[in-house]
C-alpha atoms as a PDB file:
ATOM      1  CA  MET A   1      75.120 -30.207  28.639  1.00  0.00           C
ATOM      2  CA  GLY A   2      75.863 -31.973  31.937  1.00  0.00           C
ATOM      3  CA  THR A   3      78.133 -30.961  34.792  1.00  0.00           C
ATOM      4  CA  LEU A   4      81.906 -30.850  34.388  1.00  0.00           C
ATOM      5  CA  ASP A   5      84.091 -33.488  36.028  1.00  0.00           C
ATOM      6  CA  ILE A   6      86.686 -31.669  38.173  1.00  0.00           C
ATOM      7  CA  ASP A   7      89.249 -34.466  37.723  1.00  0.00           C
ATOM      8  CA  ALA A   8      88.775 -34.304  33.957  1.00  0.00           C
ATOM      9  CA  VAL A   9      89.219 -30.526  33.908  1.00  0.00           C
ATOM     10  CA  ALA A  10      92.350 -30.859  36.083  1.00  0.00           C
ATOM     11  CA  SER A  11      93.748 -33.455  33.672  1.00  0.00           C
ATOM     12  CA  PHE A  12      93.063 -31.202  30.688  1.00  0.00           C
ATOM     13  CA  LEU A  13      94.694 -28.244  32.420  1.00  0.00           C
ATOM     14  CA  ARG A  14      97.876 -30.142  33.327  1.00  0.00           C
ATOM     15  CA  ALA A  15      98.176 -31.681  29.845  1.00  0.00           C
ATOM     16  CA  ALA A  16      97.679 -28.277  28.220  1.00  0.00           C
ATOM     17  CA  GLU A  17     100.241 -26.538  30.450  1.00  0.00           C
ATOM     18  CA  LEU A  18     102.856 -29.298  30.353  1.00  0.00           C
ATOM     19  CA  LYS A  19     102.173 -30.244  26.699  1.00  0.00           C
ATOM     20  CA  SER A  20     102.305 -33.926  27.591  1.00  0.00           C
ATOM     21  CA  PHE A  21      99.941 -36.562  28.969  1.00  0.00           C
ATOM     22  CA  THR A  22     102.907 -38.333  30.560  1.00  0.00           C
ATOM     23  CA  ARG A  23     104.102 -35.252  32.432  1.00  0.00           C
ATOM     24  CA  ALA A  24     100.512 -34.365  33.370  1.00  0.00           C
ATOM     25  CA  ALA A  25     100.126 -37.828  34.892  1.00  0.00           C
ATOM     26  CA  GLU A  26     103.338 -37.349  36.883  1.00  0.00           C
ATOM     27  CA  ALA A  27     102.102 -34.007  38.210  1.00  0.00           C
ATOM     28  CA  LEU A  28      98.744 -35.509  39.191  1.00  0.00           C
ATOM     29  CA  GLY A  29     100.236 -38.674  40.664  1.00  0.00           C
ATOM     30  CA  THR A  30      98.300 -40.950  38.343  1.00  0.00           C
ATOM     31  CA  THR A  31      98.750 -42.815  35.029  1.00  0.00           C
ATOM     32  CA  GLN A  32      99.025 -41.521  31.496  1.00  0.00           C
ATOM     33  CA  SER A  33      96.127 -43.680  30.363  1.00  0.00           C
ATOM     34  CA  LEU A  34      93.822 -42.286  33.051  1.00  0.00           C
ATOM     35  CA  VAL A  35      94.709 -38.696  32.142  1.00  0.00           C
ATOM     36  CA  SER A  36      94.009 -39.463  28.482  1.00  0.00           C
ATOM     37  CA  THR A  37      90.693 -41.121  29.353  1.00  0.00           C
ATOM     38  CA  ARG A  38      89.586 -38.185  31.500  1.00  0.00           C
ATOM     39  CA  VAL A  39      90.419 -35.637  28.810  1.00  0.00           C
ATOM     40  CA  LYS A  40      88.569 -37.701  26.197  1.00  0.00           C
ATOM     41  CA  ARG A  41      85.539 -37.861  28.508  1.00  0.00           C
ATOM     42  CA  LEU A  42      85.669 -34.079  28.938  1.00  0.00           C
ATOM     43  CA  GLU A  43      85.889 -33.554  25.171  1.00  0.00           C
ATOM     44  CA  ASP A  44      82.970 -35.901  24.573  1.00  0.00           C
ATOM     45  CA  GLY A  45      80.893 -34.080  27.172  1.00  0.00           C
ATOM     46  CA  LEU A  46      81.648 -30.681  25.656  1.00  0.00           C
ATOM     47  CA  GLY A  47      81.369 -31.906  22.087  1.00  0.00           C
ATOM     48  CA  ARG A  48      84.688 -30.192  21.311  1.00  0.00           C
ATOM     49  CA  LEU A  49      88.205 -31.366  20.520  1.00  0.00           C
ATOM     50  CA  LEU A  50      90.387 -29.552  23.057  1.00  0.00           C
ATOM     51  CA  LEU A  51      93.820 -31.096  22.489  1.00  0.00           C
ATOM     52  CA  GLN A  52      95.697 -32.297  19.436  1.00  0.00           C
ATOM     53  CA  ARG A  53      97.631 -35.475  20.155  1.00  0.00           C
ATOM     54  CA  HIS A  54     101.072 -35.854  18.578  1.00  0.00           C
ATOM     55  CA  PRO A  55     103.636 -38.598  19.309  1.00  0.00           C
ATOM     56  CA  ARG A  56     105.889 -36.338  21.416  1.00  0.00           C
ATOM     57  CA  LEU A  57     103.746 -33.275  22.052  1.00  0.00           C
ATOM     58  CA  VAL A  58     100.234 -32.189  22.987  1.00  0.00           C
ATOM     59  CA  ARG A  59      98.901 -28.914  21.612  1.00  0.00           C
ATOM     60  CA  LEU A  60      95.756 -26.910  22.286  1.00  0.00           C
ATOM     61  CA  THR A  61      93.191 -26.681  19.507  1.00  0.00           C
ATOM     62  CA  ALA A  62      91.355 -23.411  18.872  1.00  0.00           C
ATOM     63  CA  GLU A  63      88.508 -24.745  21.026  1.00  0.00           C
ATOM     64  CA  GLY A  64      91.036 -25.699  23.710  1.00  0.00           C
ATOM     65  CA  GLU A  65      92.426 -22.155  23.697  1.00  0.00           C
ATOM     66  CA  ARG A  66      88.899 -20.837  24.281  1.00  0.00           C
ATOM     67  CA  PHE A  67      88.261 -23.279  27.119  1.00  0.00           C
ATOM     68  CA  LEU A  68      91.627 -22.836  28.889  1.00  0.00           C
ATOM     69  CA  PRO A  69      90.840 -19.573  30.806  1.00  0.00           C
ATOM     70  CA  ALA A  70      87.502 -20.969  31.991  1.00  0.00           C
ATOM     71  CA  ALA A  71      89.197 -24.192  33.107  1.00  0.00           C
ATOM     72  CA  ARG A  72      91.723 -22.214  35.137  1.00  0.00           C
ATOM     73  CA  GLU A  73      88.965 -20.179  36.774  1.00  0.00           C
ATOM     74  CA  LEU A  74      87.019 -23.334  37.608  1.00  0.00           C
ATOM     75  CA  MET A  75      90.019 -25.023  39.222  1.00  0.00           C
ATOM     76  CA  ALA A  76      90.878 -21.843  41.158  1.00  0.00           C
ATOM     77  CA  ALA A  77      87.314 -21.692  42.497  1.00  0.00           C
ATOM     78  CA  HIS A  78      87.469 -25.386  43.359  1.00  0.00           C
ATOM     79  CA  GLY A  79      90.707 -24.852  45.261  1.00  0.00           C
ATOM     80  CA  LYS A  80      89.221 -21.901  47.124  1.00  0.00           C
ATOM     81  CA  ALA A  81      86.192 -23.967  48.120  1.00  0.00           C
ATOM     82  CA  LEU A  82      88.409 -26.751  49.466  1.00  0.00           C
ATOM     83  CA  ALA A  83      90.539 -24.186  51.316  1.00  0.00           C
ATOM     84  CA  ALA A  84      87.560 -23.380  53.533  1.00  0.00           C
ATOM     85  CA  PHE A  85      88.387 -26.581  55.452  1.00  0.00           C
ATOM     86  CA  ALA A  86      92.095 -26.688  54.790  1.00  0.00           C
ATOM     87  CA  VAL A  87      94.745 -27.018  57.435  1.00  0.00           C
ATOM     88  CA  ALA A  88      97.299 -24.298  58.082  1.00  0.00           C
ATOM     89  CA  PRO A  89      99.472 -23.231  55.123  1.00  0.00           C
ATOM     90  CA  GLU A  90     102.512 -25.396  54.490  1.00  0.00           C
ATOM     91  CA  HIS A  91     105.876 -23.726  53.935  1.00  0.00           C
ATOM     92  CA  ILE A  92     108.404 -25.209  51.510  1.00  0.00           C
ATOM     93  CA  ALA A  93     111.914 -23.824  51.100  1.00  0.00           C
ATOM     94  CA  VAL A  94     112.781 -24.122  47.406  1.00  0.00           C
ATOM     95  CA  GLY A  95     116.039 -23.338  45.632  1.00  0.00           C
ATOM     96  CA  ILE A  96     116.179 -23.008  41.838  1.00  0.00           C
ATOM     97  CA  SER A  97     119.188 -22.317  39.680  1.00  0.00           C
ATOM     98  CA  GLU A  98     118.488 -19.948  36.795  1.00  0.00           C
ATOM     99  CA  GLN A  99     120.859 -22.056  34.722  1.00  0.00           C
ATOM    100  CA  ALA A 100     118.283 -24.830  35.123  1.00  0.00           C
ATOM    101  CA  VAL A 101     115.172 -22.890  34.125  1.00  0.00           C
ATOM    102  CA  GLY A 102     116.342 -19.701  32.439  1.00  0.00           C
ATOM    103  CA  ALA A 103     114.367 -16.507  32.909  1.00  0.00           C
ATOM    104  CA  GLU A 104     111.034 -18.335  33.371  1.00  0.00           C
ATOM    105  CA  VAL A 105     111.255 -18.935  37.143  1.00  0.00           C
ATOM    106  CA  PRO A 106     108.322 -16.603  37.974  1.00  0.00           C
ATOM    107  CA  ALA A 107     106.038 -18.194  35.369  1.00  0.00           C
ATOM    108  CA  VAL A 108     106.804 -21.720  36.560  1.00  0.00           C
ATOM    109  CA  LEU A 109     106.175 -20.909  40.214  1.00  0.00           C
ATOM    110  CA  ALA A 110     103.014 -18.917  39.478  1.00  0.00           C
ATOM    111  CA  ARG A 111     101.546 -21.920  37.691  1.00  0.00           C
ATOM    112  CA  LEU A 112     102.489 -24.260  40.519  1.00  0.00           C
ATOM    113  CA  THR A 113     101.125 -22.122  43.349  1.00  0.00           C
ATOM    114  CA  ALA A 114      97.863 -21.596  41.477  1.00  0.00           C
ATOM    115  CA  HIS A 115      97.120 -25.302  41.972  1.00  0.00           C
ATOM    116  CA  ASP A 116      97.498 -25.141  45.768  1.00  0.00           C
ATOM    117  CA  PRO A 117      97.270 -21.631  47.275  1.00  0.00           C
ATOM    118  CA  GLY A 118      97.945 -23.176  50.692  1.00  0.00           C
ATOM    119  CA  ILE A 119     101.553 -23.913  49.739  1.00  0.00           C
ATOM    120  CA  VAL A 120     103.833 -21.037  50.767  1.00  0.00           C
ATOM    121  CA  ILE A 121     107.069 -21.056  48.787  1.00  0.00           C
ATOM    122  CA  ASN A 122     110.210 -19.594  50.322  1.00  0.00           C
ATOM    123  CA  LEU A 123     112.314 -19.216  47.192  1.00  0.00           C
ATOM    124  CA  ARG A 124     116.046 -18.829  46.713  1.00  0.00           C
ATOM    125  CA  ILE A 125     117.528 -18.262  43.255  1.00  0.00           C
ATOM    126  CA  GLU A 126     121.262 -18.879  43.382  1.00  0.00           C
ATOM    127  CA  PRO A 127     124.012 -20.723  41.502  1.00  0.00           C
ATOM    128  CA  SER A 128     123.723 -24.511  41.631  1.00  0.00           C
ATOM    129  CA  ARG A 129     126.765 -25.036  43.843  1.00  0.00           C
ATOM    130  CA  MET A 130     125.417 -22.692  46.515  1.00  0.00           C
ATOM    131  CA  LEU A 131     121.990 -24.352  46.407  1.00  0.00           C
ATOM    132  CA  GLU A 132     123.415 -27.844  46.816  1.00  0.00           C
ATOM    133  CA  GLU A 133     125.466 -26.675  49.811  1.00  0.00           C
ATOM    134  CA  ALA A 134     122.352 -25.096  51.369  1.00  0.00           C
ATOM    135  CA  PHE A 135     120.403 -28.326  50.784  1.00  0.00           C
ATOM    136  CA  GLU A 136     123.118 -30.339  52.516  1.00  0.00           C
ATOM    137  CA  ARG A 137     122.916 -27.970  55.498  1.00  0.00           C
ATOM    138  CA  GLY A 138     119.159 -28.542  55.714  1.00  0.00           C
ATOM    139  CA  GLU A 139     118.252 -24.969  54.766  1.00  0.00           C
ATOM    140  CA  LEU A 140     116.258 -26.007  51.697  1.00  0.00           C
ATOM    141  CA  ASP A 141     113.586 -28.695  51.250  1.00  0.00           C
ATOM    142  CA  VAL A 142     113.809 -28.889  47.454  1.00  0.00           C
ATOM    143  CA  VAL A 143     116.406 -27.771  44.922  1.00  0.00           C
ATOM    144  CA  ILE A 144     116.512 -27.764  41.131  1.00  0.00           C
ATOM    145  CA  VAL A 145     120.120 -27.483  39.961  1.00  0.00           C
ATOM    146  CA  ARG A 146     122.219 -27.912  36.857  1.00  0.00           C
ATOM    147  CA  ARG A 147     125.150 -30.317  36.983  1.00  0.00           C
ATOM    148  CA  LEU A 148     127.973 -30.725  34.494  1.00  0.00           C
ATOM    149  CA  ALA A 149     128.918 -34.121  35.925  1.00  0.00           C
ATOM    150  CA  ALA A 150     126.961 -36.903  37.584  1.00  0.00           C
ATOM    151  CA  GLY A 151     126.304 -36.455  41.294  1.00  0.00           C
ATOM    152  CA  ARG A 152     125.767 -39.014  44.020  1.00  0.00           C
ATOM    153  CA  THR A 153     122.159 -38.141  44.765  1.00  0.00           C
ATOM    154  CA  GLY A 154     119.187 -36.564  43.057  1.00  0.00           C
ATOM    155  CA  GLU A 155     116.701 -37.337  40.303  1.00  0.00           C
ATOM    156  CA  VAL A 156     117.770 -36.409  36.772  1.00  0.00           C
ATOM    157  CA  LEU A 157     114.868 -34.561  35.156  1.00  0.00           C
ATOM    158  CA  ARG A 158     116.481 -33.999  31.783  1.00  0.00           C
ATOM    159  CA  ASP A 159     119.729 -33.968  29.825  1.00  0.00           C
ATOM    160  CA  ASP A 160     120.632 -30.784  27.952  1.00  0.00           C
ATOM    161  CA  ALA A 161     123.252 -30.002  25.339  1.00  0.00           C
ATOM    162  CA  VAL A 162     125.438 -26.967  26.065  1.00  0.00           C
ATOM    163  CA  GLY A 163     126.673 -24.608  23.361  1.00  0.00           C
ATOM    164  CA  TRP A 164     128.162 -21.190  22.655  1.00  0.00           C
ATOM    165  CA  PHE A 165     125.238 -18.839  21.956  1.00  0.00           C
ATOM    166  CA  ALA A 166     125.294 -15.405  20.328  1.00  0.00           C
ATOM    167  CA  ALA A 167     123.070 -13.087  18.335  1.00  0.00           C
ATOM    168  CA  PRO A 168     122.827 -14.196  14.668  1.00  0.00           C
ATOM    169  CA  SER A 169     124.433 -10.939  13.523  1.00  0.00           C
ATOM    170  CA  PHE A 170     127.369 -11.163  15.914  1.00  0.00           C
ATOM    171  CA  VAL A 171     130.746 -11.057  14.150  1.00  0.00           C
ATOM    172  CA  ARG A 172     134.007 -11.991  15.847  1.00  0.00           C
ATOM    173  CA  PRO A 173     136.686  -9.369  15.290  1.00  0.00           C
ATOM    174  CA  PRO A 174     139.810 -10.901  13.684  1.00  0.00           C
ATOM    175  CA  ASP A 175     142.458 -12.092  16.169  1.00  0.00           C
ATOM    176  CA  ALA A 176     140.426 -10.775  19.126  1.00  0.00           C
ATOM    177  CA  PRO A 177     139.792 -12.803  22.298  1.00  0.00           C
ATOM    178  CA  VAL A 178     136.422 -14.528  22.581  1.00  0.00           C
ATOM    179  CA  PRO A 179     134.081 -12.100  24.418  1.00  0.00           C
ATOM    180  CA  LEU A 180     132.249 -14.053  27.118  1.00  0.00           C
ATOM    181  CA  VAL A 181     128.833 -13.243  28.552  1.00  0.00           C
ATOM    182  CA  SER A 182     128.116 -15.221  31.698  1.00  0.00           C
ATOM    183  CA  LEU A 183     126.354 -15.397  35.027  1.00  0.00           C
ATOM    184  CA  VAL A 184     127.893 -14.519  38.379  1.00  0.00           C
ATOM    185  CA  ALA A 185     131.334 -15.772  39.372  1.00  0.00           C
ATOM    186  CA  GLU A 186     129.921 -18.750  41.304  1.00  0.00           C
ATOM    187  CA  CYS A 187     128.329 -20.218  38.155  1.00  0.00           C
ATOM    188  CA  ARG A 188     129.788 -23.661  37.364  1.00  0.00           C
ATOM    189  CA  LEU A 189     129.131 -23.307  33.638  1.00  0.00           C
ATOM    190  CA  ARG A 190     131.020 -19.993  33.588  1.00  0.00           C
ATOM    191  CA  ARG A 191     134.098 -21.642  35.128  1.00  0.00           C
ATOM    192  CA  HIS A 192     133.725 -24.696  32.874  1.00  0.00           C
ATOM    193  CA  SER A 193     133.663 -22.555  29.720  1.00  0.00           C
ATOM    194  CA  MET A 194     136.759 -20.625  30.749  1.00  0.00           C
ATOM    195  CA  ASP A 195     138.671 -23.803  31.603  1.00  0.00           C
ATOM    196  CA  THR A 196     137.612 -25.373  28.291  1.00  0.00           C
ATOM    197  CA  LEU A 197     138.891 -22.385  26.308  1.00  0.00           C
ATOM    198  CA  ASP A 198     142.149 -22.361  28.290  1.00  0.00           C
ATOM    199  CA  ARG A 199     142.755 -26.050  27.553  1.00  0.00           C
ATOM    200  CA  ALA A 200     142.140 -25.400  23.860  1.00  0.00           C
ATOM    201  CA  GLY A 201     144.587 -22.480  23.880  1.00  0.00           C
ATOM    202  CA  ILE A 202     141.898 -19.980  22.847  1.00  0.00           C
ATOM    203  CA  ALA A 203     142.152 -16.448  24.234  1.00  0.00           C
ATOM    204  CA  TRP A 204     139.055 -15.016  25.876  1.00  0.00           C
ATOM    205  CA  ARG A 205     137.909 -11.970  27.827  1.00  0.00           C
ATOM    206  CA  GLU A 206     134.921 -11.263  30.026  1.00  0.00           C
ATOM    207  CA  ALA A 207     132.590  -8.911  28.168  1.00  0.00           C
ATOM    208  CA  PHE A 208     129.636  -9.045  30.580  1.00  0.00           C
ATOM    209  CA  VAL A 209     128.818 -10.705  33.904  1.00  0.00           C
ATOM    210  CA  GLY A 210     125.091 -10.699  34.607  1.00  0.00           C
ATOM    211  CA  GLY A 211     123.231 -10.939  37.883  1.00  0.00           C
ATOM    212  CA  GLY A 212     120.546 -13.153  36.368  1.00  0.00           C
ATOM    213  CA  MET A 213     119.467 -14.937  33.205  1.00  0.00           C
ATOM    214  CA  ALA A 214     117.366 -11.980  32.032  1.00  0.00           C
ATOM    215  CA  ALA A 215     120.490  -9.805  32.039  1.00  0.00           C
ATOM    216  CA  VAL A 216     122.545 -12.500  30.294  1.00  0.00           C
ATOM    217  CA  ALA A 217     119.867 -12.956  27.616  1.00  0.00           C
ATOM    218  CA  ALA A 218     119.722  -9.207  26.998  1.00  0.00           C
ATOM    219  CA  ALA A 219     123.517  -8.975  26.696  1.00  0.00           C
ATOM    220  CA  VAL A 220     123.553 -11.794  24.140  1.00  0.00           C
ATOM    221  CA  GLN A 221     120.682 -10.342  22.138  1.00  0.00           C
ATOM    222  CA  VAL A 222     122.281  -6.899  21.833  1.00  0.00           C
ATOM    223  CA  GLY A 223     125.583  -8.434  20.695  1.00  0.00           C
ATOM    224  CA  LEU A 224     127.884  -7.933  23.684  1.00  0.00           C
ATOM    225  CA  GLY A 225     129.391 -11.389  23.257  1.00  0.00           C
ATOM    226  CA  ILE A 226     128.769 -15.122  23.384  1.00  0.00           C
ATOM    227  CA  SER A 227     127.428 -17.103  26.300  1.00  0.00           C
ATOM    228  CA  PRO A 228     127.881 -20.757  27.307  1.00  0.00           C
ATOM    229  CA  LEU A 229     124.297 -21.953  27.802  1.00  0.00           C
ATOM    230  CA  ALA A 230     122.118 -25.009  27.705  1.00  0.00           C
ATOM    231  CA  ALA A 231     120.305 -24.892  24.372  1.00  0.00           C
ATOM    232  CA  ARG A 232     116.937 -25.129  26.121  1.00  0.00           C
ATOM    233  CA  ILE A 233     117.379 -21.814  27.959  1.00  0.00           C
ATOM    234  CA  ALA A 234     119.219 -19.841  25.271  1.00  0.00           C
ATOM    235  CA  PRO A 235     117.544 -16.479  24.532  1.00  0.00           C
ATOM    236  CA  ALA A 236     115.103 -16.256  21.659  1.00  0.00           C
ATOM    237  CA  GLY A 237     116.827 -15.908  18.293  1.00  0.00           C
ATOM    238  CA  ALA A 238     120.300 -16.794  19.586  1.00  0.00           C
ATOM    239  CA  VAL A 239     122.345 -19.356  17.639  1.00  0.00           C
ATOM    240  CA  ASP A 240     125.120 -21.746  18.605  1.00  0.00           C
ATOM    241  CA  ILE A 241     128.192 -20.284  16.892  1.00  0.00           C
ATOM    242  CA  GLY A 242     130.621 -22.808  18.401  1.00  0.00           C
ATOM    243  CA  PRO A 243     131.128 -24.914  15.245  1.00  0.00           C
ATOM    244  CA  ALA A 244     131.495 -21.868  12.976  1.00  0.00           C
ATOM    245  CA  TRP A 245     134.089 -20.297  15.273  1.00  0.00           C
ATOM    246  CA  GLY A 246     135.935 -23.564  15.886  1.00  0.00           C
ATOM    247  CA  LEU A 247     135.265 -23.434  19.622  1.00  0.00           C
ATOM    248  CA  PRO A 248     135.719 -26.563  21.750  1.00  0.00           C
ATOM    249  CA  VAL A 249     132.689 -28.695  22.575  1.00  0.00           C
ATOM    250  CA  LEU A 250     131.283 -27.966  26.020  1.00  0.00           C
ATOM    251  CA  GLY A 251     129.496 -31.290  26.369  1.00  0.00           C
ATOM    252  CA  GLY A 252     126.200 -31.884  28.109  1.00  0.00           C
ATOM    253  CA  SER A 253     124.619 -31.143  31.453  1.00  0.00           C
ATOM    254  CA  GLN A 254     121.777 -32.398  33.619  1.00  0.00           C
ATOM    255  CA  VAL A 255     118.919 -30.716  35.422  1.00  0.00           C
ATOM    256  CA  VAL A 256     118.608 -32.481  38.782  1.00  0.00           C
ATOM    257  CA  LEU A 257     115.955 -32.464  41.500  1.00  0.00           C
ATOM    258  CA  ARG A 258     116.834 -33.073  45.147  1.00  0.00           C
ATOM    259  CA  SER A 259     114.068 -33.239  47.727  1.00  0.00           C
ATOM    260  CA  ASN A 260     113.588 -34.202  51.344  1.00  0.00           C
ATOM    261  CA  VAL A 261     109.905 -33.263  51.789  1.00  0.00           C
ATOM    262  CA  ALA A 262     107.888 -35.625  53.955  1.00  0.00           C
ATOM    263  CA  THR A 263     104.207 -34.642  53.817  1.00  0.00           C
ATOM    264  CA  PRO A 264     101.735 -35.744  51.104  1.00  0.00           C
ATOM    265  CA  ARG A 265     100.906 -32.128  50.301  1.00  0.00           C
ATOM    266  CA  ALA A 266     104.545 -31.179  49.818  1.00  0.00           C
ATOM    267  CA  GLY A 267     105.080 -34.388  47.856  1.00  0.00           C
ATOM    268  CA  ALA A 268     102.311 -33.383  45.434  1.00  0.00           C
ATOM    269  CA  PHE A 269     103.992 -30.000  44.969  1.00  0.00           C
ATOM    270  CA  VAL A 270     107.331 -31.670  44.220  1.00  0.00           C
ATOM    271  CA  ARG A 271     105.685 -33.971  41.643  1.00  0.00           C
ATOM    272  CA  GLU A 272     104.299 -30.941  39.830  1.00  0.00           C
ATOM    273  CA  LEU A 273     107.639 -29.149  40.041  1.00  0.00           C
ATOM    274  CA  ALA A 274     109.429 -32.169  38.560  1.00  0.00           C
ATOM    275  CA  ALA A 275     106.880 -32.468  35.751  1.00  0.00           C
ATOM    276  CA  ALA A 276     107.349 -28.792  34.872  1.00  0.00           C
ATOM    277  CA  PHE A 277     111.095 -29.308  34.365  1.00  0.00           C
ATOM    278  CA  ARG A 278     111.118 -32.770  32.857  1.00  0.00           C
ATOM    279  CA  GLY A 279     111.192 -33.661  29.186  1.00  0.00           C
END
């Protein structure tokens, strides 16, 4: 067996983590066809099929699962070797709304920083409105926010449906107000859901206000109430009970990236961040 091509291993790793050749290409700043060619070359060299190709999704094979930890170790060692001659660490101030990513913020950032240990992330997790205001003041270099209406600037990474999510076993008491589970008071979706219920003439009460998505997910799962959430970040097992309860439609929302980074290194980080949220 010959030596491994670092670019091919990097392409495999991105495609495996992002479950898409297209998103892997975006993260690497190259083309989908080149990523596909590199992965095929790696598979041919190893004599193993590492990824299953589907029209809208890429999945690891059993052989790919076995190779994945070794690929991560190889790329980490490669990054460490390059760091011997690297310039000073680069700091990037990043703001992420939990309503955009859910409770997976740590996992997303851990994966991103593993690819360039020289990037130092100064992270703020706050409601979207507060992050956009901080970006306008120049306090943040990059923000990922959720919008309920189109904004003037920013790159739309994805469109999400919004629904009323609850535990499958949750039963609404007869003639009782709708019990709402939501994020902090500054959350736009919280205010939007209350206004929507008011316009529909439906009584509601606040059953739980969480300090983060992990708390909101736990409150929904134990049956404290229903939560207005993008379907993509709803807690595991939760169901949209809006139609069954006759609740008004909340509409859609967008996950938006805003960035003002200027260096190539920071630009590469932003490409990977966008690819992680897109789709």
